Amino acid sequence: LPLSFATVLGGTLSLLGSSVNLLASEVSSKLGYGAFGLFAFTPIGIG
């Protein structure tokens, strides 16, 4: 179970970490809020 959780936590370290990250970036861009950069939320993800 920690193996699964470790990959979940790591998936929020960059835009490429999860398909959901890419979908969120696409939706945000379409709504006019802008797409995410590759490391846009990495500082939050590291914490």
All heavy atoms as atom14 arrays in JSON, in Angstrom:
{
  "sequence": "LPLSFATVLGGTLSLLGSSVNLLASEVSSKLGYGAFGLFAFTPIGIG",
  "atom14_mask": [
    [1, 1, 1, 1, 1, 1, 1, 1, 0, 0, 0, 0, 0, 0],
    [1, 1, 1, 1, 1, 1, 1, 0, 0, 0, 0, 0, 0, 0],
    [1, 1, 1, 1, 1, 1, 1, 1, 0, 0, 0, 0, 0, 0],
    [1, 1, 1, 1, 1, 1, 0, 0, 0, 0, 0, 0, 0, 0],
    [1, 1, 1, 1, 1, 1, 1, 1, 1, 1, 1, 0, 0, 0],
    [1, 1, 1, 1, 1, 0, 0, 0, 0, 0, 0, 0, 0, 0],
    [1, 1, 1, 1, 1, 1, 1, 0, 0, 0, 0, 0, 0, 0],
    [1, 1, 1, 1, 1, 1, 1, 0, 0, 0, 0, 0, 0, 0],
    [1, 1, 1, 1, 1, 1, 1, 1, 0, 0, 0, 0, 0, 0],
    [1, 1, 1, 1, 0, 0, 0, 0, 0, 0, 0, 0, 0, 0],
    [1, 1, 1, 1, 0, 0, 0, 0, 0, 0, 0, 0, 0, 0],
    [1, 1, 1, 1, 1, 1, 1, 0, 0, 0, 0, 0, 0, 0],
    [1, 1, 1, 1, 1, 1, 1, 1, 0, 0, 0, 0, 0, 0],
    [1, 1, 1, 1, 1, 1, 0, 0, 0, 0, 0, 0, 0, 0],
    [1, 1, 1, 1, 1, 1, 1, 1, 0, 0, 0, 0, 0, 0],
    [1, 1, 1, 1, 1, 1, 1, 1, 0, 0, 0, 0, 0, 0],
    [1, 1, 1, 1, 0, 0, 0, 0, 0, 0, 0, 0, 0, 0],
    [1, 1, 1, 1, 1, 1, 0, 0, 0, 0, 0, 0, 0, 0],
    [1, 1, 1, 1, 1, 1, 0, 0, 0, 0, 0, 0, 0, 0],
    [1, 1, 1, 1, 1, 1, 1, 0, 0, 0, 0, 0, 0, 0],
    [1, 1, 1, 1, 1, 1, 1, 1, 0, 0, 0, 0, 0, 0],
    [1, 1, 1, 1, 1, 1, 1, 1, 0, 0, 0, 0, 0, 0],
    [1, 1, 1, 1, 1, 1, 1, 1, 0, 0, 0, 0, 0, 0],
    [1, 1, 1, 1, 1, 0, 0, 0, 0, 0, 0, 0, 0, 0],
    [1, 1, 1, 1, 1, 1, 0, 0, 0, 0, 0, 0, 0, 0],
    [1, 1, 1, 1, 1, 1, 1, 1, 1, 0, 0, 0, 0, 0],
    [1, 1, 1, 1, 1, 1, 1, 0, 0, 0, 0, 0, 0, 0],
    [1, 1, 1, 1, 1, 1, 0, 0, 0, 0, 0, 0, 0, 0],
    [1, 1, 1, 1, 1, 1, 0, 0, 0, 0, 0, 0, 0, 0],
    [1, 1, 1, 1, 1, 1, 1, 1, 1, 0, 0, 0, 0, 0],
    [1, 1, 1, 1, 1, 1, 1, 1, 0, 0, 0, 0, 0, 0],
    [1, 1, 1, 1, 0, 0, 0, 0, 0, 0, 0, 0, 0, 0],
    [1, 1, 1, 1, 1, 1, 1, 1, 1, 1, 1, 1, 0, 0],
    [1, 1, 1, 1, 0, 0, 0, 0, 0, 0, 0, 0, 0, 0],
    [1, 1, 1, 1, 1, 0, 0, 0, 0, 0, 0, 0, 0, 0],
    [1, 1, 1, 1, 1, 1, 1, 1, 1, 1, 1, 0, 0, 0],
    [1, 1, 1, 1, 0, 0, 0, 0, 0, 0, 0, 0, 0, 0],
    [1, 1, 1, 1, 1, 1, 1, 1, 0, 0, 0, 0, 0, 0],
    [1, 1, 1, 1, 1, 1, 1, 1, 1, 1, 1, 0, 0, 0],
    [1, 1, 1, 1, 1, 0, 0, 0, 0, 0, 0, 0, 0, 0],
    [1, 1, 1, 1, 1, 1, 1, 1, 1, 1, 1, 0, 0, 0],
    [1, 1, 1, 1, 1, 1, 1, 0, 0, 0, 0, 0, 0, 0],
    [1, 1, 1, 1, 1, 1, 1, 0, 0, 0, 0, 0, 0, 0],
    [1, 1, 1, 1, 1, 1, 1, 1, 0, 0, 0, 0, 0, 0],
    [1, 1, 1, 1, 0, 0, 0, 0, 0, 0, 0, 0, 0, 0],
    [1, 1, 1, 1, 1, 1, 1, 1, 0, 0, 0, 0, 0, 0],
    [1, 1, 1, 1, 0, 0, 0, 0, 0, 0, 0, 0, 0, 0]
  ],
  "atom14_positions": [
    [[0.83, -1.21, 0.0], [0.0, 0.0, 0.0], [0.86, 1.26, 0.0], [0.57, 2.21, -0.73], [-0.97, -0.01, 1.19], [-2.1, 1.01, 1.15], [-2.92, 0.88, -0.12], [-3.0, 0.86, 2.38], [0.0, 0.0, 0.0], [0.0, 0.0, 0.0], [0.0, 0.0, 0.0], [0.0, 0.0, 0.0], [0.0, 0.0, 0.0], [0.0, 0.0, 0.0]],
    [[1.95, 1.32, 0.8], [2.85, 2.47, 0.69], [3.46, 2.63, -0.7], [3.76, 3.76, -1.11], [3.93, 2.16, 1.73], [3.23, 1.33, 2.76], [2.27, 0.48, 1.98], [0.0, 0.0, 0.0], [0.0, 0.0, 0.0], [0.0, 0.0, 0.0], [0.0, 0.0, 0.0], [0.0, 0.0, 0.0], [0.0, 0.0, 0.0], [0.0, 0.0, 0.0]],
    [[3.66, 1.53, -1.44], [4.16, 1.66, -2.81], [3.18, 2.46, -3.66], [3.57, 3.38, -4.39], [4.36, 0.26, -3.42], [4.59, 0.22, -4.94], [5.9, 0.91, -5.29], [4.58, -1.22, -5.45], [0.0, 0.0, 0.0], [0.0, 0.0, 0.0], [0.0, 0.0, 0.0], [0.0, 0.0, 0.0], [0.0, 0.0, 0.0], [0.0, 0.0, 0.0]],
    [[1.89, 2.14, -3.54], [0.88, 2.89, -4.28], [0.84, 4.35, -3.84], [0.82, 5.27, -4.67], [-0.5, 2.25, -4.07], [-1.52, 3.02, -4.66], [0.0, 0.0, 0.0], [0.0, 0.0, 0.0], [0.0, 0.0, 0.0], [0.0, 0.0, 0.0], [0.0, 0.0, 0.0], [0.0, 0.0, 0.0], [0.0, 0.0, 0.0], [0.0, 0.0, 0.0]],
    [[0.85, 4.58, -2.54], [0.79, 5.95, -2.02], [2.01, 6.76, -2.44], [1.91, 7.97, -2.68], [0.66, 5.93, -0.5], [-0.71, 5.54, 0.01], [-1.68, 5.08, -0.85], [-1.03, 5.63, 1.36], [-2.95, 4.71, -0.4], [-2.28, 5.27, 1.83], [-3.24, 4.8, 0.96], [0.0, 0.0, 0.0], [0.0, 0.0, 0.0], [0.0, 0.0, 0.0]],
    [[3.18, 6.11, -2.5], [4.4, 6.82, -2.9], [4.3, 7.31, -4.34], [4.73, 8.43, -4.66], [5.61, 5.91, -2.74], [0.0, 0.0, 0.0], [0.0, 0.0, 0.0], [0.0, 0.0, 0.0], [0.0, 0.0, 0.0], [0.0, 0.0, 0.0], [0.0, 0.0, 0.0], [0.0, 0.0, 0.0], [0.0, 0.0, 0.0], [0.0, 0.0, 0.0]],
    [[3.71, 6.5, -5.21], [3.54, 6.94, -6.6], [2.5, 8.05, -6.69], [2.62, 8.95, -7.52], [3.12, 5.77, -7.51], [1.86, 5.25, -7.09], [4.16, 4.66, -7.48], [0.0, 0.0, 0.0], [0.0, 0.0, 0.0], [0.0, 0.0, 0.0], [0.0, 0.0, 0.0], [0.0, 0.0, 0.0], [0.0, 0.0, 0.0], [0.0, 0.0, 0.0]],
    [[1.48, 8.0, -5.84], [0.47, 9.06, -5.83], [1.1, 10.39, -5.42], [0.86, 11.43, -6.04], [-0.69, 8.68, -4.87], [-1.6, 9.88, -4.64], [-1.49, 7.52, -5.44], [0.0, 0.0, 0.0], [0.0, 0.0, 0.0], [0.0, 0.0, 0.0], [0.0, 0.0, 0.0], [0.0, 0.0, 0.0], [0.0, 0.0, 0.0], [0.0, 0.0, 0.0]],
    [[1.91, 10.36, -4.37], [2.57, 11.59, -3.92], [3.54, 12.11, -4.97], [3.63, 13.32, -5.21], [3.32, 11.32, -2.6], [2.45, 11.05, -1.37], [3.33, 10.63, -0.2], [1.63, 12.27, -0.99], [0.0, 0.0, 0.0], [0.0, 0.0, 0.0], [0.0, 0.0, 0.0], [0.0, 0.0, 0.0], [0.0, 0.0, 0.0], [0.0, 0.0, 0.0]],
    [[4.28, 11.2, -5.6], [5.22, 11.61, -6.62], [4.54, 12.16, -7.86], [5.12, 12.97, -8.59], [0.0, 0.0, 0.0], [0.0, 0.0, 0.0], [0.0, 0.0, 0.0], [0.0, 0.0, 0.0], [0.0, 0.0, 0.0], [0.0, 0.0, 0.0], [0.0, 0.0, 0.0], [0.0, 0.0, 0.0], [0.0, 0.0, 0.0], [0.0, 0.0, 0.0]],
    [[3.31, 11.75, -8.11], [2.59, 12.2, -9.29], [2.25, 13.67, -9.3], [1.89, 14.22, -10.34], [0.0, 0.0, 0.0], [0.0, 0.0, 0.0], [0.0, 0.0, 0.0], [0.0, 0.0, 0.0], [0.0, 0.0, 0.0], [0.0, 0.0, 0.0], [0.0, 0.0, 0.0], [0.0, 0.0, 0.0], [0.0, 0.0, 0.0], [0.0, 0.0, 0.0]],
    [[2.36, 14.33, -8.15], [2.07, 15.77, -8.09], [3.34, 16.62, -8.06], [3.29, 17.81, -7.75], [1.22, 16.1, -6.84], [1.88, 15.6, -5.67], [-0.15, 15.47, -6.94], [0.0, 0.0, 0.0], [0.0, 0.0, 0.0], [0.0, 0.0, 0.0], [0.0, 0.0, 0.0], [0.0, 0.0, 0.0], [0.0, 0.0, 0.0], [0.0, 0.0, 0.0]],
    [[4.46, 16.0, -8.41], [5.72, 16.75, -8.44], [5.93, 17.48, -9.76], [6.73, 18.42, -9.82], [6.9, 15.81, -8.18], [7.05, 15.31, -6.74], [8.15, 14.25, -6.65], [7.37, 16.46, -5.79], [0.0, 0.0, 0.0], [0.0, 0.0, 0.0], [0.0, 0.0, 0.0], [0.0, 0.0, 0.0], [0.0, 0.0, 0.0], [0.0, 0.0, 0.0]],
    [[5.27, 17.05, -10.81], [5.4, 17.73, -12.1], [4.14, 17.51, -12.92], [3.3, 16.66, -12.59], [6.63, 17.22, -12.87], [6.33, 16.03, -13.57], [0.0, 0.0, 0.0], [0.0, 0.0, 0.0], [0.0, 0.0, 0.0], [0.0, 0.0, 0.0], [0.0, 0.0, 0.0], [0.0, 0.0, 0.0], [0.0, 0.0, 0.0], [0.0, 0.0, 0.0]],
    [[4.05, 18.23, -14.02], [2.88, 18.13, -14.89], [2.76, 16.74, -15.5], [1.65, 16.25, -15.75], [2.98, 19.18, -16.0], [1.84, 19.24, -17.02], [0.53, 19.61, -16.33], [2.17, 20.23, -18.13], [0.0, 0.0, 0.0], [0.0, 0.0, 0.0], [0.0, 0.0, 0.0], [0.0, 0.0, 0.0], [0.0, 0.0, 0.0], [0.0, 0.0, 0.0]],
    [[3.9, 16.07, -15.72], [3.9, 14.76, -16.36], [3.59, 13.62, -15.4], [3.52, 12.47, -15.82], [5.26, 14.5, -17.03], [5.69, 15.47, -18.13], [7.04, 15.07, -18.69], [4.65, 15.5, -19.25], [0.0, 0.0, 0.0], [0.0, 0.0, 0.0], [0.0, 0.0, 0.0], [0.0, 0.0, 0.0], [0.0, 0.0, 0.0], [0.0, 0.0, 0.0]],
    [[3.41, 13.91, -14.13], [3.26, 12.86, -13.13], [1.95, 12.11, -13.19], [1.85, 11.0, -12.67], [0.0, 0.0, 0.0], [0.0, 0.0, 0.0], [0.0, 0.0, 0.0], [0.0, 0.0, 0.0], [0.0, 0.0, 0.0], [0.0, 0.0, 0.0], [0.0, 0.0, 0.0], [0.0, 0.0, 0.0], [0.0, 0.0, 0.0], [0.0, 0.0, 0.0]],
    [[0.96, 12.66, -13.84], [-0.36, 12.01, -13.86], [-1.17, 12.51, -15.05], [-1.04, 13.67, -15.46], [-1.11, 12.31, -12.55], [-2.46, 11.95, -12.64], [0.0, 0.0, 0.0], [0.0, 0.0, 0.0], [0.0, 0.0, 0.0], [0.0, 0.0, 0.0], [0.0, 0.0, 0.0], [0.0, 0.0, 0.0], [0.0, 0.0, 0.0], [0.0, 0.0, 0.0]],
    [[-1.99, 11.64, -15.58], [-2.89, 12.04, -16.67], [-3.87, 13.11, -16.19], [-4.3, 13.97, -16.97], [-3.65, 10.83, -17.2], [-4.39, 10.21, -16.16], [0.0, 0.0, 0.0], [0.0, 0.0, 0.0], [0.0, 0.0, 0.0], [0.0, 0.0, 0.0], [0.0, 0.0, 0.0], [0.0, 0.0, 0.0], [0.0, 0.0, 0.0], [0.0, 0.0, 0.0]],
    [[-4.2, 13.07, -14.9], [-5.12, 14.07, -14.34], [-4.48, 15.46, -14.36], [-5.16, 16.46, -14.6], [-5.52, 13.67, -12.9], [-6.31, 14.78, -12.23], [-6.34, 12.39, -12.92], [0.0, 0.0, 0.0], [0.0, 0.0, 0.0], [0.0, 0.0, 0.0], [0.0, 0.0, 0.0], [0.0, 0.0, 0.0], [0.0, 0.0, 0.0], [0.0, 0.0, 0.0]],
    [[-3.17, 15.53, -14.14], [-2.47, 16.82, -14.22], [-2.62, 17.43, -15.61], [-2.88, 18.63, -15.77], [-0.98, 16.64, -13.9], [-0.73, 16.13, -12.5], [-1.64, 16.05, -11.68], [0.5, 15.78, -12.21], [0.0, 0.0, 0.0], [0.0, 0.0, 0.0], [0.0, 0.0, 0.0], [0.0, 0.0, 0.0], [0.0, 0.0, 0.0], [0.0, 0.0, 0.0]],
    [[-2.42, 16.59, -16.63], [-2.53, 17.07, -18.0], [-3.96, 17.49, -18.33], [-4.17, 18.5, -19.01], [-2.06, 15.98, -18.96], [-0.56, 15.65, -18.9], [-0.27, 14.35, -19.64], [0.26, 16.79, -19.5], [0.0, 0.0, 0.0], [0.0, 0.0, 0.0], [0.0, 0.0, 0.0], [0.0, 0.0, 0.0], [0.0, 0.0, 0.0], [0.0, 0.0, 0.0]],
    [[-4.93, 16.74, -17.85], [-6.33, 17.11, -18.07], [-6.65, 18.43, -17.39], [-7.31, 19.3, -17.97], [-7.25, 16.01, -17.55], [-8.75, 16.31, -17.62], [-9.21, 16.48, -19.06], [-9.56, 15.21, -16.93], [0.0, 0.0, 0.0], [0.0, 0.0, 0.0], [0.0, 0.0, 0.0], [0.0, 0.0, 0.0], [0.0, 0.0, 0.0], [0.0, 0.0, 0.0]],
    [[-6.19, 18.6, -16.15], [-6.44, 19.85, -15.42], [-5.83, 21.04, -16.15], [-6.43, 22.11, -16.23], [-5.87, 19.74, -14.01], [0.0, 0.0, 0.0], [0.0, 0.0, 0.0], [0.0, 0.0, 0.0], [0.0, 0.0, 0.0], [0.0, 0.0, 0.0], [0.0, 0.0, 0.0], [0.0, 0.0, 0.0], [0.0, 0.0, 0.0], [0.0, 0.0, 0.0]],
    [[-4.63, 20.85, -16.69], [-3.98, 21.92, -17.46], [-4.79, 22.28, -18.69], [-4.97, 23.46, -19.02], [-2.57, 21.48, -17.85], [-1.95, 22.44, -18.67], [0.0, 0.0, 0.0], [0.0, 0.0, 0.0], [0.0, 0.0, 0.0], [0.0, 0.0, 0.0], [0.0, 0.0, 0.0], [0.0, 0.0, 0.0], [0.0, 0.0, 0.0], [0.0, 0.0, 0.0]],
    [[-5.29, 21.26, -19.37], [-6.09, 21.49, -20.58], [-7.39, 22.23, -20.24], [-7.77, 23.18, -20.93], [-6.39, 20.15, -21.24], [-7.23, 20.23, -22.5], [-6.48, 20.89, -23.65], [-5.23, 20.92, -23.6], [-7.14, 21.38, -24.58], [0.0, 0.0, 0.0], [0.0, 0.0, 0.0], [0.0, 0.0, 0.0], [0.0, 0.0, 0.0], [0.0, 0.0, 0.0]],
    [[-8.08, 21.79, -19.2], [-9.33, 22.44, -18.81], [-9.08, 23.88, -18.38], [-9.82, 24.81, -18.76], [-10.0, 21.65, -17.66], [-11.2, 22.42, -17.11], [-10.45, 20.28, -18.16], [0.0, 0.0, 0.0], [0.0, 0.0, 0.0], [0.0, 0.0, 0.0], [0.0, 0.0, 0.0], [0.0, 0.0, 0.0], [0.0, 0.0, 0.0], [0.0, 0.0, 0.0]],
    [[-8.03, 24.1, -17.6], [-7.69, 25.44, -17.15], [-7.4, 26.36, -18.34], [-7.82, 27.52, -18.36], [-6.47, 25.39, -16.23], [-6.05, 26.68, -15.85], [0.0, 0.0, 0.0], [0.0, 0.0, 0.0], [0.0, 0.0, 0.0], [0.0, 0.0, 0.0], [0.0, 0.0, 0.0], [0.0, 0.0, 0.0], [0.0, 0.0, 0.0], [0.0, 0.0, 0.0]],
    [[-6.71, 25.84, -19.33], [-6.4, 26.63, -20.52], [-7.67, 26.99, -21.29], [-7.84, 28.14, -21.72], [-5.44, 25.84, -21.42], [-5.18, 26.53, -22.61], [0.0, 0.0, 0.0], [0.0, 0.0, 0.0], [0.0, 0.0, 0.0], [0.0, 0.0, 0.0], [0.0, 0.0, 0.0], [0.0, 0.0, 0.0], [0.0, 0.0, 0.0], [0.0, 0.0, 0.0]],
    [[-8.57, 26.02, -21.45], [-9.81, 26.28, -22.18], [-10.69, 27.3, -21.49], [-11.42, 28.07, -22.13], [-10.58, 24.97, -22.36], [-10.02, 24.06, -23.43], [-10.91, 22.85, -23.63], [-10.39, 21.98, -24.76], [-11.23, 20.78, -24.97], [0.0, 0.0, 0.0], [0.0, 0.0, 0.0], [0.0, 0.0, 0.0], [0.0, 0.0, 0.0], [0.0, 0.0, 0.0]],
    [[-10.64, 27.32, -20.15], [-11.47, 28.25, -19.39], [-10.84, 29.64, -19.28], [-11.43, 30.53, -18.66], [-11.74, 27.68, -17.99], [-12.52, 26.36, -17.95], [-12.68, 25.88, -16.51], [-13.9, 26.53, -18.6], [0.0, 0.0, 0.0], [0.0, 0.0, 0.0], [0.0, 0.0, 0.0], [0.0, 0.0, 0.0], [0.0, 0.0, 0.0], [0.0, 0.0, 0.0]],
    [[-9.65, 29.8, -19.85], [-9.01, 31.11, -19.85], [-8.11, 31.39, -18.66], [-7.64, 32.53, -18.5], [0.0, 0.0, 0.0], [0.0, 0.0, 0.0], [0.0, 0.0, 0.0], [0.0, 0.0, 0.0], [0.0, 0.0, 0.0], [0.0, 0.0, 0.0], [0.0, 0.0, 0.0], [0.0, 0.0, 0.0], [0.0, 0.0, 0.0], [0.0, 0.0, 0.0]],
    [[-7.84, 30.38, -17.86], [-6.97, 30.59, -16.69], [-5.51, 30.27, -16.98], [-4.65, 30.48, -16.14], [-7.45, 29.72, -15.51], [-8.89, 29.96, -15.13], [-9.8, 28.9, -15.07], [-9.36, 31.24, -14.86], [-11.12, 29.11, -14.74], [-10.68, 31.46, -14.53], [-11.57, 30.39, -14.47], [-12.87, 30.61, -14.15], [0.0, 0.0, 0.0], [0.0, 0.0, 0.0]],
    [[-5.25, 29.73, -18.15], [-3.88, 29.42, -18.56], [-3.5, 27.98, -18.32], [-3.96, 27.36, -17.35], [0.0, 0.0, 0.0], [0.0, 0.0, 0.0], [0.0, 0.0, 0.0], [0.0, 0.0, 0.0], [0.0, 0.0, 0.0], [0.0, 0.0, 0.0], [0.0, 0.0, 0.0], [0.0, 0.0, 0.0], [0.0, 0.0, 0.0], [0.0, 0.0, 0.0]],
    [[-2.66, 27.44, -19.22], [-2.15, 26.08, -19.05], [-1.04, 26.08, -18.0], [-0.46, 27.12, -17.68], [-1.64, 25.55, -20.39], [0.0, 0.0, 0.0], [0.0, 0.0, 0.0], [0.0, 0.0, 0.0], [0.0, 0.0, 0.0], [0.0, 0.0, 0.0], [0.0, 0.0, 0.0], [0.0, 0.0, 0.0], [0.0, 0.0, 0.0], [0.0, 0.0, 0.0]],
    [[-0.73, 24.89, -17.48], [0.31, 24.76, -16.46], [1.66, 24.52, -17.14], [1.75, 23.8, -18.14], [0.04, 23.58, -15.51], [-1.31, 23.6, -14.87], [-1.89, 22.43, -14.41], [-2.02, 24.79, -14.69], [-3.13, 22.42, -13.81], [-3.27, 24.81, -14.09], [-3.83, 23.63, -13.66], [0.0, 0.0, 0.0], [0.0, 0.0, 0.0], [0.0, 0.0, 0.0]],
    [[2.71, 25.09, -16.57], [4.06, 24.77, -17.0], [4.47, 23.41, -16.45], [3.8, 22.84, -15.58], [0.0, 0.0, 0.0], [0.0, 0.0, 0.0], [0.0, 0.0, 0.0], [0.0, 0.0, 0.0], [0.0, 0.0, 0.0], [0.0, 0.0, 0.0], [0.0, 0.0, 0.0], [0.0, 0.0, 0.0], [0.0, 0.0, 0.0], [0.0, 0.0, 0.0]],
    [[5.57, 22.89, -16.96], [6.04, 21.57, -16.55], [6.26, 21.48, -15.05], [5.94, 20.46, -14.42], [7.33, 21.23, -17.3], [7.95, 19.85, -17.04], [6.95, 18.74, -17.33], [9.22, 19.66, -17.87], [0.0, 0.0, 0.0], [0.0, 0.0, 0.0], [0.0, 0.0, 0.0], [0.0, 0.0, 0.0], [0.0, 0.0, 0.0], [0.0, 0.0, 0.0]],
    [[6.78, 22.55, -14.46], [7.05, 22.55, -13.01], [6.25, 23.65, -12.29], [6.69, 24.19, -11.28], [8.55, 22.74, -12.75], [9.41, 21.64, -13.31], [10.18, 21.85, -14.45], [9.42, 20.39, -12.73], [10.97, 20.84, -14.97], [10.2, 19.36, -13.25], [10.97, 19.59, -14.37], [0.0, 0.0, 0.0], [0.0, 0.0, 0.0], [0.0, 0.0, 0.0]],
    [[5.05, 23.95, -12.82], [4.25, 25.05, -12.29], [3.88, 24.85, -10.83], [3.91, 25.81, -10.03], [2.99, 25.24, -13.13], [0.0, 0.0, 0.0], [0.0, 0.0, 0.0], [0.0, 0.0, 0.0], [0.0, 0.0, 0.0], [0.0, 0.0, 0.0], [0.0, 0.0, 0.0], [0.0, 0.0, 0.0], [0.0, 0.0, 0.0], [0.0, 0.0, 0.0]],
    [[3.52, 23.64, -10.43], [3.1, 23.4, -9.04], [4.1, 22.53, -8.29], [3.78, 21.99, -7.23], [1.71, 22.74, -9.01], [1.53, 21.59, -9.95], [1.98, 20.32, -9.64], [0.91, 21.79, -11.18], [1.82, 19.27, -10.52], [0.74, 20.74, -12.07], [1.19, 19.47, -11.74], [0.0, 0.0, 0.0], [0.0, 0.0, 0.0], [0.0, 0.0, 0.0]],
    [[5.33, 22.42, -8.81], [6.35, 21.59, -8.16], [6.68, 22.05, -6.74], [6.85, 21.19, -5.85], [7.62, 21.55, -9.03], [7.3, 20.95, -10.3], [8.71, 20.72, -8.36], [0.0, 0.0, 0.0], [0.0, 0.0, 0.0], [0.0, 0.0, 0.0], [0.0, 0.0, 0.0], [0.0, 0.0, 0.0], [0.0, 0.0, 0.0], [0.0, 0.0, 0.0]],
    [[6.81, 23.37, -6.47], [7.09, 23.77, -5.07], [6.04, 23.26, -4.08], [6.38, 22.84, -2.97], [7.09, 25.3, -5.15], [7.47, 25.61, -6.56], [6.83, 24.53, -7.37], [0.0, 0.0, 0.0], [0.0, 0.0, 0.0], [0.0, 0.0, 0.0], [0.0, 0.0, 0.0], [0.0, 0.0, 0.0], [0.0, 0.0, 0.0], [0.0, 0.0, 0.0]],
    [[4.78, 23.3, -4.48], [3.72, 22.75, -3.63], [3.85, 21.23, -3.55], [3.73, 20.63, -2.48], [2.33, 23.15, -4.17], [2.2, 24.67, -4.25], [1.22, 22.57, -3.3], [0.96, 25.14, -4.99], [0.0, 0.0, 0.0], [0.0, 0.0, 0.0], [0.0, 0.0, 0.0], [0.0, 0.0, 0.0], [0.0, 0.0, 0.0], [0.0, 0.0, 0.0]],
    [[4.11, 20.61, -4.7], [4.24, 19.15, -4.75], [5.37, 18.63, -3.89], [5.26, 17.56, -3.28], [0.0, 0.0, 0.0], [0.0, 0.0, 0.0], [0.0, 0.0, 0.0], [0.0, 0.0, 0.0], [0.0, 0.0, 0.0], [0.0, 0.0, 0.0], [0.0, 0.0, 0.0], [0.0, 0.0, 0.0], [0.0, 0.0, 0.0], [0.0, 0.0, 0.0]],
    [[6.49, 19.37, -3.83], [7.62, 18.92, -3.0], [7.22, 18.91, -1.53], [7.54, 17.96, -0.79], [8.85, 19.84, -3.23], [9.41, 19.6, -4.65], [9.92, 19.58, -2.18], [10.54, 20.54, -5.02], [0.0, 0.0, 0.0], [0.0, 0.0, 0.0], [0.0, 0.0, 0.0], [0.0, 0.0, 0.0], [0.0, 0.0, 0.0], [0.0, 0.0, 0.0]],
    [[6.53, 19.94, -1.1], [6.07, 19.97, 0.3], [5.11, 18.83, 0.6], [5.21, 18.18, 1.65], [0.0, 0.0, 0.0], [0.0, 0.0, 0.0], [0.0, 0.0, 0.0], [0.0, 0.0, 0.0], [0.0, 0.0, 0.0], [0.0, 0.0, 0.0], [0.0, 0.0, 0.0], [0.0, 0.0, 0.0], [0.0, 0.0, 0.0], [0.0, 0.0, 0.0]]
  ]
}
